[in-house]
Amino acid sequence: MRIAVLSDVHGNCFALETVAADVKNKGLDSIVCNGDMIQSGPQPHETVQLLRDMKCPIVLGNSAAWLLTGVETDAHLISEERRKKLDTVRDWSLNQLTGEDRAFINSFQSTVTIELGHGRTLLAFHGSPTSFDQVLLPSTPEDEFQDILKRGSMPTPCDRPGGGLLPGGNPAMWDAVLADRDKFQAWDPADALFVDAINDIETNIAQVVAYLEKSQKP
């Protein structure tokens, strides 16, 4: 099974359309969205509409949670000036969304489990399985990695060949996922094929700018 993993579209529906078309052309089996799909871009409503039409599982990222609640989980890292700008953009984004849009976003899950067949399972998350603010890297110490899993919903112990899980919180991309391990698929980014939506998929940057200007997003 080959699965496209997309994340961090941030309300750029044009980019999402471009990547989704590329995924379709390459004949991948399904899509999972790994979080931060809507907030901060010029097309939050349009992005929600497309995601609904795609009918794919979607992980809840930190920006979507903040969009709905206004609760910033890493507020101590943000200056007051930056906070005001973010709040202005959040208010604008909320005004673009319908009640149905917000309900749809509220249905996103903190983790998404995908059955790959042959007893194998893929766990998608944004940040880590236990927190979208936590970052797991191939360099994360093994004892810390296993401790995170014990506090999460993944079965333990979990094999991690080469270090790293399926990464959460990456630029919009497609990823041909070929699972070959038992239980939850442990993933080393060095073994994956990543294609950045902007740098490696042909797109019209002028059109992106045009959408931004048309939206009058602050």
Foldseek 3Di string as FASTA:
>chain_A
DWEWEFEQLAQQVQLVVLQVVVCVVVPGDAYEYQENNAHDALHRANSLVVVVVRPHAYAYAQRLVCLLPVDRPPVVVDDPVRNVLRVLLSVLSVVNHDPVSNVSSVPHHQWDWDDPDPQEIAIGHQQAQVDNVHHFAQPPDPVVNQVSCVPHDFDPDDDAVSGAADGHDDHTWTKTDDADDHGYGHDDVVPIDTAHSPPHRDDDVVVSVVSRVVSPRD
